Amino acid sequence: MTATHITAWFDLLEKACAKLSSTYLDIIIDQLGSDTSLLRSVRSVQPPLLWRSLFTGLPEEGLEHLAPLLVRVDLEQPLQRQWLISLMRHLDGESQLLALVSLWPFQALAEHFGQCMEARNGGCLSLFHFYDPRLFPLLFSHALLPEQQQLWLRPAVFWSWLDRDGAPKRLLGVSDAPEVPGPIELSDSQVETLCCVGDATRALANLNSALPQQWSREQRFQACYAAMLEATEAGLLMDNEREAFVLDKLLEPATDLAQTGKPPHA
């Protein structure tokens, strides 16, 4: 990741806000990826930022130093604007920052996302790590049903994040009226689809040296994820079996790369 990627992303976000005649940009910070808590930095800004831990009201509420933080930045406030730029540079493109523009009052937005923090599967309730930029786009391309997607589309004019290559991405929302939903219900197949994200990430760490160097980081992941989904459909359960299946899929047919410059499934 380079400073150019960060600057380009911030400029795009700022220009998009200006087109909407909005000075506010909301961000969700994933603190788990940092060696130190980012909460102290959020609390240090003057004039004070609007912020809320998304663990509020959950059993994990006391773990503020680990919680995802929803923060509203007023881009017309020079110190808030500079703080956001500094945060982006500090995170250096690591998958810890998800941005959106919302017309909802901050309190309504915080309560909504607080409810989105939990998901049910087979009667069991667990935390839903939707705010990870590596996972977020896959919720809409692979995992969630259209009616489930509305939980994240309703509050937003648009969402934005950096992909694994540092390229800014955007997803349009619907900016509908506020509501406070209940926990989302995920089927077993949806859980399996989401688990393939972690499986693909771990597989890449082991298979990376075997893949053609021409592929970008994002291409590698997308191809590996698609192959991992196929491994699940094939009923493969053991890690070594799944990785062997994925490697075969990524390198066959070898002519795909020569003809298109892109990996299979990309």
Protein backbone atom coordinates (compact mmCIF):
# COMPACT_ATOMS: atom_id res chain seq x y z
CA MET A 1 0.00 0.00 0.00
CA THR A 2 1.25 3.54 -0.74
CA ALA A 3 0.39 7.03 0.46
CA THR A 4 -1.02 7.60 -3.03
CA HIS A 5 -3.70 4.96 -2.46
CA ILE A 6 -4.73 6.57 0.83
CA THR A 7 -4.80 10.08 -0.62
CA ALA A 8 -6.83 8.94 -3.64
CA TRP A 9 -9.38 7.21 -1.40
CA PHE A 10 -9.79 10.19 0.90
CA ASP A 11 -10.16 12.56 -2.06
CA LEU A 12 -12.87 10.35 -3.57
CA LEU A 13 -14.76 10.23 -0.27
CA GLU A 14 -14.50 13.98 0.23
CA LYS A 15 -15.69 14.75 -3.30
CA ALA A 16 -18.61 12.32 -2.93
CA CYS A 17 -19.66 14.04 0.29
CA ALA A 18 -19.45 17.43 -1.42
CA LYS A 19 -21.71 16.22 -4.27
CA LEU A 20 -24.26 15.18 -1.67
CA SER A 21 -23.93 18.54 0.13
CA SER A 22 -22.91 16.59 3.25
CA THR A 23 -19.96 17.35 5.47
CA TYR A 24 -20.26 14.11 7.45
CA LEU A 25 -18.44 10.86 6.79
CA ASP A 26 -19.07 7.82 9.00
CA ILE A 27 -16.40 5.19 9.51
CA ILE A 28 -16.31 1.86 11.30
CA ILE A 29 -12.90 1.08 12.82
CA ASP A 30 -11.98 -2.53 13.54
CA GLN A 31 -9.65 -2.28 16.53
CA LEU A 32 -8.80 -6.00 16.57
CA GLY A 33 -6.19 -5.57 13.85
CA SER A 34 -4.13 -3.06 15.88
CA ASP A 35 -1.41 -3.70 18.42
CA THR A 36 -2.84 -0.90 20.55
CA SER A 37 -6.37 0.39 21.10
CA LEU A 38 -7.44 3.17 18.74
CA LEU A 39 -10.09 4.38 21.17
CA ARG A 40 -7.68 6.78 22.87
CA SER A 41 -7.02 8.45 19.53
CA VAL A 42 -10.77 8.79 18.85
CA ARG A 43 -11.29 10.37 22.28
CA SER A 44 -8.40 12.81 21.84
CA VAL A 45 -9.84 14.77 18.89
CA GLN A 46 -11.09 18.33 19.38
CA PRO A 47 -13.79 19.33 18.74
CA PRO A 48 -14.99 15.91 19.97
CA LEU A 49 -15.97 13.28 17.44
CA LEU A 50 -19.33 11.58 17.63
CA TRP A 51 -18.53 7.93 18.30
CA ARG A 52 -19.97 4.75 19.77
CA SER A 53 -18.68 1.29 20.53
CA LEU A 54 -20.72 -1.26 18.56
CA PHE A 55 -20.39 -3.59 21.57
CA THR A 56 -22.74 -1.26 23.48
CA GLY A 57 -25.61 -3.28 24.93
CA LEU A 58 -23.90 -6.61 24.18
CA PRO A 59 -22.25 -9.02 26.65
CA GLU A 60 -18.90 -7.75 25.27
CA GLU A 61 -19.73 -4.14 26.20
CA GLY A 62 -16.85 -3.88 28.66
CA LEU A 63 -14.28 -4.63 25.93
CA GLU A 64 -14.24 -1.10 24.48
CA HIS A 65 -10.56 -1.38 23.60
CA LEU A 66 -11.39 -4.29 21.25
CA ALA A 67 -14.78 -3.11 19.99
CA PRO A 68 -15.55 -1.89 16.48
CA LEU A 69 -16.06 1.86 16.70
CA LEU A 70 -18.59 3.85 14.70
CA VAL A 71 -17.24 7.38 14.28
CA ARG A 72 -18.78 10.39 12.54
CA VAL A 73 -16.24 12.84 11.10
CA ASP A 74 -17.18 16.40 10.19
CA LEU A 75 -14.99 17.17 7.18
CA GLU A 76 -15.54 20.91 7.72
CA GLN A 77 -13.68 20.65 11.03
CA PRO A 78 -9.96 20.86 10.09
CA LEU A 79 -8.73 18.85 13.08
CA GLN A 80 -11.29 16.08 12.55
CA ARG A 81 -10.46 16.00 8.85
CA GLN A 82 -6.73 15.79 9.56
CA TRP A 83 -7.29 13.11 12.19
CA LEU A 84 -9.07 10.93 9.65
CA ILE A 85 -6.27 11.34 7.11
CA SER A 86 -3.71 10.47 9.79
CA LEU A 87 -5.74 7.41 10.83
CA MET A 88 -5.90 6.18 7.23
CA ARG A 89 -2.16 6.57 6.89
CA HIS A 90 -1.53 4.88 10.23
CA LEU A 91 -3.62 1.86 9.23
CA ASP A 92 -1.80 1.87 5.87
CA GLY A 93 -4.51 0.05 3.96
CA GLU A 94 -4.88 -2.75 6.51
CA SER A 95 -8.40 -4.16 6.52
CA GLN A 96 -9.63 -2.16 9.51
CA LEU A 97 -11.60 0.70 8.01
CA LEU A 98 -15.03 0.75 6.37
CA ALA A 99 -16.55 4.09 5.35
CA LEU A 100 -20.07 5.18 4.53
CA VAL A 101 -22.14 8.29 3.99
CA SER A 102 -25.46 8.21 5.82
CA LEU A 103 -28.22 10.80 6.18
CA TRP A 104 -29.47 9.16 9.37
CA PRO A 105 -29.00 10.84 12.76
CA PHE A 106 -25.91 9.42 14.42
CA GLN A 107 -27.81 7.84 17.30
CA ALA A 108 -30.17 6.01 14.93
CA LEU A 109 -27.23 4.79 12.86
CA ALA A 110 -25.35 3.56 15.95
CA GLU A 111 -28.40 1.68 17.26
CA HIS A 112 -28.98 0.08 13.85
CA PHE A 113 -25.42 -1.19 13.50
CA GLY A 114 -25.44 -2.30 17.13
CA GLN A 115 -28.30 -4.64 16.25
CA CYS A 116 -26.43 -5.82 13.16
CA MET A 117 -23.55 -6.97 15.38
CA GLU A 118 -25.27 -10.25 16.21
CA ALA A 119 -26.38 -13.13 13.98
CA ARG A 120 -28.32 -16.31 14.74
CA ASN A 121 -27.66 -19.75 13.31
CA GLY A 122 -29.58 -22.78 14.52
CA GLY A 123 -30.69 -20.96 17.64
CA CYS A 124 -27.15 -19.89 18.57
CA LEU A 125 -26.32 -16.18 18.79
CA SER A 126 -22.83 -14.93 17.93
CA LEU A 127 -20.98 -11.79 16.89
CA PHE A 128 -21.16 -10.96 13.18
CA HIS A 129 -17.94 -9.44 11.87
CA PHE A 130 -19.67 -7.63 8.98
CA TYR A 131 -17.44 -4.55 9.24
CA ASP A 132 -14.28 -6.31 8.01
CA PRO A 133 -13.63 -4.85 4.51
CA ARG A 134 -12.36 -8.25 3.38
CA LEU A 135 -15.72 -9.79 4.25
CA PHE A 136 -18.12 -6.92 3.59
CA PRO A 137 -18.32 -7.08 -0.25
CA LEU A 138 -18.80 -10.85 -0.15
CA LEU A 139 -21.96 -10.40 1.93
CA PHE A 140 -23.54 -8.89 -1.18
CA SER A 141 -21.93 -11.02 -3.88
CA HIS A 142 -22.23 -14.44 -2.21
CA ALA A 143 -23.61 -14.70 1.32
CA LEU A 144 -26.73 -12.68 2.07
CA LEU A 145 -30.21 -12.84 0.60
CA PRO A 146 -31.51 -9.59 -0.98
CA GLU A 147 -33.81 -8.90 1.97
CA GLN A 148 -30.93 -9.44 4.40
CA GLN A 149 -28.72 -7.06 2.44
CA GLN A 150 -31.18 -4.27 3.17
CA LEU A 151 -29.92 -4.11 6.75
CA TRP A 152 -26.72 -2.55 5.40
CA LEU A 153 -28.13 -0.80 2.33
CA ARG A 154 -30.93 1.11 4.10
CA PRO A 155 -28.69 3.35 6.22
CA ALA A 156 -26.20 4.25 3.49
CA VAL A 157 -26.05 6.52 0.50
CA PHE A 158 -22.95 4.49 -0.28
CA TRP A 159 -20.29 2.33 1.37
CA SER A 160 -16.59 2.43 0.54
CA TRP A 161 -13.41 0.50 1.37
CA LEU A 162 -9.99 -0.40 -0.03
CA ASP A 163 -9.53 -3.82 -1.60
CA ARG A 164 -6.41 -5.95 -1.13
CA ASP A 165 -4.61 -4.04 -3.90
CA GLY A 166 -5.40 -0.65 -2.34
CA ALA A 167 -8.06 0.19 -4.93
CA PRO A 168 -11.07 2.16 -3.60
CA LYS A 169 -14.37 0.30 -3.93
CA ARG A 170 -17.93 1.57 -3.58
CA LEU A 171 -21.33 0.00 -2.99
CA LEU A 172 -24.46 2.11 -3.42
CA GLY A 173 -27.06 2.01 -0.65
CA VAL A 174 -30.72 2.96 -0.70
CA SER A 175 -30.75 5.59 2.09
CA ASP A 176 -34.17 4.57 3.41
CA ALA A 177 -35.87 5.55 6.67
CA PRO A 178 -34.21 4.51 9.97
CA GLU A 179 -35.21 1.32 11.72
CA VAL A 180 -33.77 -0.87 14.48
CA PRO A 181 -33.65 -4.49 13.25
CA GLY A 182 -33.30 -7.68 15.23
CA PRO A 183 -30.37 -10.11 14.85
CA ILE A 184 -30.01 -11.54 11.36
CA GLU A 185 -30.73 -15.28 10.87
CA LEU A 186 -28.09 -17.12 8.85
CA SER A 187 -28.65 -20.57 7.35
CA ASP A 188 -26.06 -23.33 7.58
CA SER A 189 -25.14 -22.81 3.92
CA GLN A 190 -24.64 -19.08 4.50
CA VAL A 191 -22.36 -19.80 7.44
CA GLU A 192 -20.35 -22.22 5.28
CA THR A 193 -20.06 -19.56 2.57
CA LEU A 194 -18.76 -17.03 5.11
CA CYS A 195 -16.33 -19.57 6.62
CA CYS A 196 -14.78 -19.96 3.17
CA VAL A 197 -13.42 -16.42 3.50
CA GLY A 198 -11.16 -17.48 6.36
CA ASP A 199 -10.35 -20.78 4.66
CA ALA A 200 -9.29 -18.97 1.48
CA THR A 201 -7.17 -16.49 3.41
CA ARG A 202 -5.34 -19.28 5.27
CA ALA A 203 -4.92 -21.30 2.08
CA LEU A 204 -3.35 -18.35 0.31
CA ALA A 205 -0.70 -18.07 3.01
CA ASN A 206 0.34 -21.66 2.21
CA LEU A 207 -0.17 -21.59 -1.56
CA ASN A 208 1.06 -18.10 -2.35
CA SER A 209 4.49 -19.14 -3.64
CA ALA A 210 2.91 -21.68 -6.01
CA LEU A 211 0.73 -19.13 -7.77
CA PRO A 212 1.81 -17.03 -10.78
CA GLN A 213 3.37 -13.77 -9.65
CA GLN A 214 1.38 -11.82 -12.26
CA TRP A 215 -1.78 -12.11 -10.19
CA SER A 216 -2.59 -9.22 -7.87
CA ARG A 217 -3.49 -9.78 -4.21
CA GLU A 218 -7.17 -9.22 -4.92
CA GLN A 219 -7.13 -11.57 -7.93
CA ARG A 220 -5.45 -14.26 -5.85
CA PHE A 221 -8.01 -14.03 -3.09
CA GLN A 222 -11.05 -13.94 -5.39
CA ALA A 223 -9.83 -16.98 -7.34
CA CYS A 224 -8.96 -18.84 -4.14
CA TYR A 225 -12.31 -17.99 -2.57
CA ALA A 226 -14.25 -19.21 -5.62
CA ALA A 227 -12.28 -22.48 -5.58
CA MET A 228 -12.85 -22.87 -1.83
CA LEU A 229 -16.60 -22.53 -2.39
CA GLU A 230 -16.33 -25.36 -4.92
CA ALA A 231 -14.41 -27.45 -2.38
CA THR A 232 -17.29 -27.00 0.06
CA GLU A 233 -19.82 -27.99 -2.60
CA ALA A 234 -17.70 -31.09 -3.29
CA GLY A 235 -18.02 -32.09 0.36
CA LEU A 236 -14.32 -31.72 1.22
CA LEU A 237 -13.81 -31.09 4.93
CA MET A 238 -10.11 -31.58 5.76
CA ASP A 239 -7.82 -28.57 5.35
CA ASN A 240 -5.21 -30.46 3.34
CA GLU A 241 -7.87 -31.83 0.98
CA ARG A 242 -9.41 -28.41 0.50
CA GLU A 243 -6.05 -26.74 -0.16
CA ALA A 244 -5.05 -29.42 -2.69
CA PHE A 245 -8.40 -28.97 -4.44
CA VAL A 246 -7.96 -25.19 -4.51
CA LEU A 247 -4.44 -25.39 -5.91
CA ASP A 248 -5.58 -27.71 -8.70
CA LYS A 249 -8.42 -25.34 -9.56
CA LEU A 250 -6.20 -22.27 -9.60
CA LEU A 251 -3.57 -23.79 -11.84
CA GLU A 252 -5.89 -25.63 -14.26
CA PRO A 253 -6.23 -24.92 -17.09
CA ALA A 254 -2.85 -23.23 -17.30
CA THR A 255 -3.87 -21.62 -20.60
CA ASP A 256 -6.32 -19.27 -18.83
CA LEU A 257 -3.50 -17.08 -17.55
CA ALA A 258 -1.67 -17.05 -20.85
CA GLN A 259 -4.81 -16.09 -22.76
CA THR A 260 -6.39 -13.55 -20.39
CA GLY A 261 -3.78 -12.55 -17.84
CA LYS A 262 -6.34 -13.40 -15.16
CA PRO A 263 -6.54 -16.39 -12.82
CA PRO A 264 -9.37 -18.91 -13.18
CA HIS A 265 -12.59 -17.73 -11.43
CA ALA A 266 -11.32 -14.13 -11.22
